[in-house]
Amino acid sequence: MEKTIHVKGMTCPHCVKHVTKALSGMNGVTDVAVSLEAGTASFKTSRDIPDSEYAAVLDDAGYELG
């Protein structure tokens, strides 16, 4: 399944790398592509992941699910 989420708090290319690494570390998440300009992260998932899991991972990385 493909999914796109909005990420608040990204301001620079380093943020993109940080969000990419955080989401890529989630079980079942692959092919992460983060857009600083759009403030989004798109990826594929092999399982149904609740938004609360994305929010927790982003929060740990210093960002917000938006």
PDB file of N, CA and C in Angstrom:
ATOM      1  N   MET A   1       0.839  -1.156   0.000  1.00  0.00           N
ATOM      2  CA  MET A   1       0.000   0.000   0.000  1.00  0.00           C
ATOM      3  C   MET A   1       0.896   1.236   0.000  1.00  0.00           C
ATOM      4  N   GLU A   2       0.524   2.237  -0.774  1.00  0.00           N
ATOM      5  CA  GLU A   2       1.269   3.495  -0.794  1.00  0.00           C
ATOM      6  C   GLU A   2       0.566   4.503   0.094  1.00  0.00           C
ATOM      7  N   LYS A   3       1.350   5.325   0.782  1.00  0.00           N
ATOM      8  CA  LYS A   3       0.778   6.295   1.716  1.00  0.00           C
ATOM      9  C   LYS A   3       1.600   7.571   1.667  1.00  0.00           C
ATOM     10  N   THR A   4       0.931   8.697   1.842  1.00  0.00           N
ATOM     11  CA  THR A   4       1.588   9.995   1.958  1.00  0.00           C
ATOM     12  C   THR A   4       1.081  10.660   3.227  1.00  0.00           C
ATOM     13  N   ILE A   5       2.006  11.177   4.013  1.00  0.00           N
ATOM     14  CA  ILE A   5       1.641  11.886   5.234  1.00  0.00           C
ATOM     15  C   ILE A   5       2.254  13.279   5.204  1.00  0.00           C
ATOM     16  N   HIS A   6       1.659  14.200   5.928  1.00  0.00           N
ATOM     17  CA  HIS A   6       2.207  15.546   6.066  1.00  0.00           C
ATOM     18  C   HIS A   6       3.071  15.584   7.319  1.00  0.00           C
ATOM     19  N   VAL A   7       4.224  16.240   7.201  1.00  0.00           N
ATOM     20  CA  VAL A   7       5.175  16.325   8.313  1.00  0.00           C
ATOM     21  C   VAL A   7       5.427  17.795   8.619  1.00  0.00           C
ATOM     22  N   LYS A   8       5.175  18.191   9.857  1.00  0.00           N
ATOM     23  CA  LYS A   8       5.417  19.570  10.288  1.00  0.00           C
ATOM     24  C   LYS A   8       6.782  19.676  10.950  1.00  0.00           C
ATOM     25  N   GLY A   9       7.458  20.801  10.707  1.00  0.00           N
ATOM     26  CA  GLY A   9       8.711  21.075  11.397  1.00  0.00           C
ATOM     27  C   GLY A   9       9.966  20.919  10.557  1.00  0.00           C
ATOM     28  N   MET A  10       9.818  20.485   9.299  1.00  0.00           N
ATOM     29  CA  MET A  10      11.006  20.345   8.439  1.00  0.00           C
ATOM     30  C   MET A  10      11.374  21.710   7.867  1.00  0.00           C
ATOM     31  N   THR A  11      12.660  22.078   7.987  1.00  0.00           N
ATOM     32  CA  THR A  11      13.094  23.387   7.510  1.00  0.00           C
ATOM     33  C   THR A  11      14.314  23.345   6.595  1.00  0.00           C
ATOM     34  N   CYS A  12      14.971  22.175   6.481  1.00  0.00           N
ATOM     35  CA  CYS A  12      16.213  22.117   5.713  1.00  0.00           C
ATOM     36  C   CYS A  12      16.460  20.699   5.193  1.00  0.00           C
ATOM     37  N   PRO A  13      17.446  20.534   4.306  1.00  0.00           N
ATOM     38  CA  PRO A  13      17.756  19.202   3.786  1.00  0.00           C
ATOM     39  C   PRO A  13      18.127  18.192   4.876  1.00  0.00           C
ATOM     40  N   HIS A  14      18.725  18.659   5.967  1.00  0.00           N
ATOM     41  CA  HIS A  14      19.047  17.746   7.069  1.00  0.00           C
ATOM     42  C   HIS A  14      17.761  17.162   7.660  1.00  0.00           C
ATOM     43  N   CYS A  15      16.729  17.972   7.743  1.00  0.00           N
ATOM     44  CA  CYS A  15      15.432  17.498   8.247  1.00  0.00           C
ATOM     45  C   CYS A  15      14.899  16.378   7.362  1.00  0.00           C
ATOM     46  N   VAL A  16      15.044  16.541   6.057  1.00  0.00           N
ATOM     47  CA  VAL A  16      14.578  15.520   5.114  1.00  0.00           C
ATOM     48  C   VAL A  16      15.285  14.199   5.394  1.00  0.00           C
ATOM     49  N   LYS A  17      16.596  14.248   5.584  1.00  0.00           N
ATOM     50  CA  LYS A  17      17.357  13.028   5.874  1.00  0.00           C
ATOM     51  C   LYS A  17      16.920  12.408   7.199  1.00  0.00           C
ATOM     52  N   HIS A  18      16.687  13.246   8.188  1.00  0.00           N
ATOM     53  CA  HIS A  18      16.294  12.771   9.515  1.00  0.00           C
ATOM     54  C   HIS A  18      14.921  12.085   9.467  1.00  0.00           C
ATOM     55  N   VAL A  19      13.956  12.699   8.778  1.00  0.00           N
ATOM     56  CA  VAL A  19      12.617  12.117   8.648  1.00  0.00           C
ATOM     57  C   VAL A  19      12.683  10.829   7.830  1.00  0.00           C
ATOM     58  N   THR A  20      13.475  10.833   6.762  1.00  0.00           N
ATOM     59  CA  THR A  20      13.625   9.630   5.934  1.00  0.00           C
ATOM     60  C   THR A  20      14.164   8.476   6.768  1.00  0.00           C
ATOM     61  N   LYS A  21      15.190   8.748   7.561  1.00  0.00           N
ATOM     62  CA  LYS A  21      15.784   7.705   8.400  1.00  0.00           C
ATOM     63  C   LYS A  21      14.785   7.201   9.442  1.00  0.00           C
ATOM     64  N   ALA A  22      14.052   8.111  10.052  1.00  0.00           N
ATOM     65  CA  ALA A  22      13.088   7.727  11.087  1.00  0.00           C
ATOM     66  C   ALA A  22      11.992   6.829  10.512  1.00  0.00           C
ATOM     67  N   LEU A  23      11.424   7.224   9.383  1.00  0.00           N
ATOM     68  CA  LEU A  23      10.343   6.433   8.787  1.00  0.00           C
ATOM     69  C   LEU A  23      10.867   5.119   8.218  1.00  0.00           C
ATOM     70  N   SER A  24      12.062   5.143   7.642  1.00  0.00           N
ATOM     71  CA  SER A  24      12.650   3.922   7.076  1.00  0.00           C
ATOM     72  C   SER A  24      12.916   2.877   8.150  1.00  0.00           C
ATOM     73  N   GLY A  25      13.082   3.318   9.382  1.00  0.00           N
ATOM     74  CA  GLY A  25      13.332   2.403  10.480  1.00  0.00           C
ATOM     75  C   GLY A  25      12.087   1.699  11.000  1.00  0.00           C
ATOM     76  N   MET A  26      10.931   2.101  10.489  1.00  0.00           N
ATOM     77  CA  MET A  26       9.684   1.473  10.938  1.00  0.00           C
ATOM     78  C   MET A  26       9.494   0.122  10.263  1.00  0.00           C
ATOM     79  N   ASN A  27       9.014  -0.845  11.006  1.00  0.00           N
ATOM     80  CA  ASN A  27       8.724  -2.170  10.474  1.00  0.00           C
ATOM     81  C   ASN A  27       7.632  -2.075   9.407  1.00  0.00           C
ATOM     82  N   GLY A  28       7.947  -2.552   8.203  1.00  0.00           N
ATOM     83  CA  GLY A  28       6.970  -2.576   7.124  1.00  0.00           C
ATOM     84  C   GLY A  28       6.979  -1.368   6.215  1.00  0.00           C
ATOM     85  N   VAL A  29       7.845  -0.379   6.482  1.00  0.00           N
ATOM     86  CA  VAL A  29       7.903   0.833   5.659  1.00  0.00           C
ATOM     87  C   VAL A  29       9.113   0.764   4.733  1.00  0.00           C
ATOM     88  N   THR A  30       8.884   0.995   3.427  1.00  0.00           N
ATOM     89  CA  THR A  30       9.960   0.982   2.432  1.00  0.00           C
ATOM     90  C   THR A  30       9.780   2.141   1.458  1.00  0.00           C
ATOM     91  N   ASP A  31      10.789   2.375   0.657  1.00  0.00           N
ATOM     92  CA  ASP A  31      10.747   3.366  -0.427  1.00  0.00           C
ATOM     93  C   ASP A  31      10.291   4.745   0.052  1.00  0.00           C
ATOM     94  N   VAL A  32      10.917   5.239   1.100  1.00  0.00           N
ATOM     95  CA  VAL A  32      10.541   6.533   1.669  1.00  0.00           C
ATOM     96  C   VAL A  32      11.084   7.661   0.800  1.00  0.00           C
ATOM     97  N   ALA A  33      10.216   8.611   0.449  1.00  0.00           N
ATOM     98  CA  ALA A  33      10.604   9.806  -0.301  1.00  0.00           C
ATOM     99  C   ALA A  33      10.003  11.007   0.424  1.00  0.00           C
ATOM    100  N   VAL A  34      10.871  11.914   0.888  1.00  0.00           N
ATOM    101  CA  VAL A  34      10.420  13.069   1.660  1.00  0.00           C
ATOM    102  C   VAL A  34      10.612  14.331   0.833  1.00  0.00           C
ATOM    103  N   SER A  35       9.589  15.193   0.815  1.00  0.00           N
ATOM    104  CA  SER A  35       9.650  16.457   0.093  1.00  0.00           C
ATOM    105  C   SER A  35       9.624  17.610   1.083  1.00  0.00           C
ATOM    106  N   LEU A  36      10.711  18.358   1.139  1.00  0.00           N
ATOM    107  CA  LEU A  36      10.780  19.529   2.007  1.00  0.00           C
ATOM    108  C   LEU A  36       9.783  20.589   1.538  1.00  0.00           C
ATOM    109  N   GLU A  37       9.725  20.810   0.223  1.00  0.00           N
ATOM    110  CA  GLU A  37       8.862  21.839  -0.344  1.00  0.00           C
ATOM    111  C   GLU A  37       7.389  21.573  -0.045  1.00  0.00           C
ATOM    112  N   ALA A  38       6.967  20.322  -0.198  1.00  0.00           N
ATOM    113  CA  ALA A  38       5.559  19.968   0.026  1.00  0.00           C
ATOM    114  C   ALA A  38       5.265  19.659   1.491  1.00  0.00           C
ATOM    115  N   GLY A  39       6.313  19.390   2.260  1.00  0.00           N
ATOM    116  CA  GLY A  39       6.122  19.020   3.655  1.00  0.00           C
ATOM    117  C   GLY A  39       5.476  17.659   3.813  1.00  0.00           C
ATOM    118  N   THR A  40       5.853  16.741   2.906  1.00  0.00           N
ATOM    119  CA  THR A  40       5.241  15.413   2.923  1.00  0.00           C
ATOM    120  C   THR A  40       6.295  14.313   2.912  1.00  0.00           C
ATOM    121  N   ALA A  41       5.834  13.129   3.287  1.00  0.00           N
ATOM    122  CA  ALA A  41       6.637  11.916   3.176  1.00  0.00           C
ATOM    123  C   ALA A  41       5.753  10.868   2.517  1.00  0.00           C
ATOM    124  N   SER A  42       6.254  10.268   1.448  1.00  0.00           N
ATOM    125  CA  SER A  42       5.532   9.209   0.746  1.00  0.00           C
ATOM    126  C   SER A  42       6.338   7.929   0.872  1.00  0.00           C
ATOM    127  N   PHE A  43       5.635   6.808   0.984  1.00  0.00           N
ATOM    128  CA  PHE A  43       6.317   5.531   1.172  1.00  0.00           C
ATOM    129  C   PHE A  43       5.363   4.391   0.901  1.00  0.00           C
ATOM    130  N   LYS A  44       5.914   3.185   0.900  1.00  0.00           N
ATOM    131  CA  LYS A  44       5.118   1.970   0.763  1.00  0.00           C
ATOM    132  C   LYS A  44       5.088   1.273   2.116  1.00  0.00           C
ATOM    133  N   THR A  45       3.971   0.626   2.402  1.00  0.00           N
ATOM    134  CA  THR A  45       3.849  -0.139   3.642  1.00  0.00           C
ATOM    135  C   THR A  45       3.368  -1.546   3.324  1.00  0.00           C
ATOM    136  N   SER A  46       3.876  -2.503   4.072  1.00  0.00           N
ATOM    137  CA  SER A  46       3.472  -3.893   3.880  1.00  0.00           C
ATOM    138  C   SER A  46       2.424  -4.312   4.906  1.00  0.00           C
ATOM    139  N   ARG A  47       2.039  -3.361   5.775  1.00  0.00           N
ATOM    140  CA  ARG A  47       1.021  -3.653   6.786  1.00  0.00           C
ATOM    141  C   ARG A  47       0.230  -2.381   7.065  1.00  0.00           C
ATOM    142  N   ASP A  48      -0.929  -2.534   7.684  1.00  0.00           N
ATOM    143  CA  ASP A  48      -1.746  -1.380   8.050  1.00  0.00           C
ATOM    144  C   ASP A  48      -1.165  -0.763   9.318  1.00  0.00           C
ATOM    145  N   ILE A  49      -0.644   0.445   9.200  1.00  0.00           N
ATOM    146  CA  ILE A  49       0.003   1.117  10.326  1.00  0.00           C
ATOM    147  C   ILE A  49      -0.874   2.285  10.766  1.00  0.00           C
ATOM    148  N   PRO A  50      -1.271   2.308  12.032  1.00  0.00           N
ATOM    149  CA  PRO A  50      -2.093   3.428  12.504  1.00  0.00           C
ATOM    150  C   PRO A  50      -1.298   4.734  12.531  1.00  0.00           C
ATOM    151  N   ASP A  51      -2.003   5.849  12.308  1.00  0.00           N
ATOM    152  CA  ASP A  51      -1.345   7.153  12.310  1.00  0.00           C
ATOM    153  C   ASP A  51      -0.612   7.419  13.619  1.00  0.00           C
ATOM    154  N   SER A  52      -1.090   6.837  14.709  1.00  0.00           N
ATOM    155  CA  SER A  52      -0.435   7.057  16.004  1.00  0.00           C
ATOM    156  C   SER A  52       1.007   6.549  16.000  1.00  0.00           C
ATOM    157  N   GLU A  53       1.285   5.490  15.222  1.00  0.00           N
ATOM    158  CA  GLU A  53       2.668   4.988  15.126  1.00  0.00           C
ATOM    159  C   GLU A  53       3.545   5.972  14.368  1.00  0.00           C
ATOM    160  N   TYR A  54       3.015   6.522  13.264  1.00  0.00           N
ATOM    161  CA  TYR A  54       3.779   7.532  12.519  1.00  0.00           C
ATOM    162  C   TYR A  54       4.033   8.740  13.415  1.00  0.00           C
ATOM    163  N   ALA A  55       3.001   9.174  14.135  1.00  0.00           N
ATOM    164  CA  ALA A  55       3.122  10.337  15.011  1.00  0.00           C
ATOM    165  C   ALA A  55       4.193  10.113  16.071  1.00  0.00           C
ATOM    166  N   ALA A  56       4.242   8.920  16.657  1.00  0.00           N
ATOM    167  CA  ALA A  56       5.230   8.621  17.699  1.00  0.00           C
ATOM    168  C   ALA A  56       6.649   8.638  17.143  1.00  0.00           C
ATOM    169  N   VAL A  57       6.846   8.042  15.966  1.00  0.00           N
ATOM    170  CA  VAL A  57       8.176   8.007  15.347  1.00  0.00           C
ATOM    171  C   VAL A  57       8.626   9.419  14.980  1.00  0.00           C
ATOM    172  N   LEU A  58       7.726  10.205  14.404  1.00  0.00           N
ATOM    173  CA  LEU A  58       8.073  11.577  14.037  1.00  0.00           C
ATOM    174  C   LEU A  58       8.346  12.417  15.277  1.00  0.00           C
ATOM    175  N   ASP A  59       7.562  12.229  16.327  1.00  0.00           N
ATOM    176  CA  ASP A  59       7.765  12.961  17.574  1.00  0.00           C
ATOM    177  C   ASP A  59       9.140  12.653  18.162  1.00  0.00           C
ATOM    178  N   ASP A  60       9.513  11.384  18.146  1.00  0.00           N
ATOM    179  CA  ASP A  60      10.838  10.985  18.647  1.00  0.00           C
ATOM    180  C   ASP A  60      11.958  11.643  17.846  1.00  0.00           C
ATOM    181  N   ALA A  61      11.693  11.909  16.561  1.00  0.00           N
ATOM    182  CA  ALA A  61      12.695  12.527  15.689  1.00  0.00           C
ATOM    183  C   ALA A  61      12.647  14.056  15.748  1.00  0.00           C
ATOM    184  N   GLY A  62      11.647  14.611  16.454  1.00  0.00           N
ATOM    185  CA  GLY A  62      11.557  16.060  16.589  1.00  0.00           C
ATOM    186  C   GLY A  62      10.619  16.734  15.611  1.00  0.00           C
ATOM    187  N   TYR A  63       9.718  15.977  15.013  1.00  0.00           N
ATOM    188  CA  TYR A  63       8.781  16.514  14.028  1.00  0.00           C
ATOM    189  C   TYR A  63       7.367  16.128  14.422  1.00  0.00           C
ATOM    190  N   GLU A  64       6.379  16.648  13.676  1.00  0.00           N
ATOM    191  CA  GLU A  64       4.986  16.357  13.983  1.00  0.00           C
ATOM    192  C   GLU A  64       4.270  15.821  12.761  1.00  0.00           C
ATOM    193  N   LEU A  65       3.365  14.880  12.996  1.00  0.00           N
ATOM    194  CA  LEU A  65       2.472  14.430  11.942  1.00  0.00           C
ATOM    195  C   LEU A  65       1.479  15.548  11.718  1.00  0.00           C
ATOM    196  N   GLY A  66       1.354  15.999  10.458  1.00  0.00           N
ATOM    197  CA  GLY A  66       0.497  17.150  10.221  1.00  0.00           C
ATOM    198  C   GLY A  66      -0.561  16.879   9.250  1.00  0.00           C
TER     199      GLY A  66
END
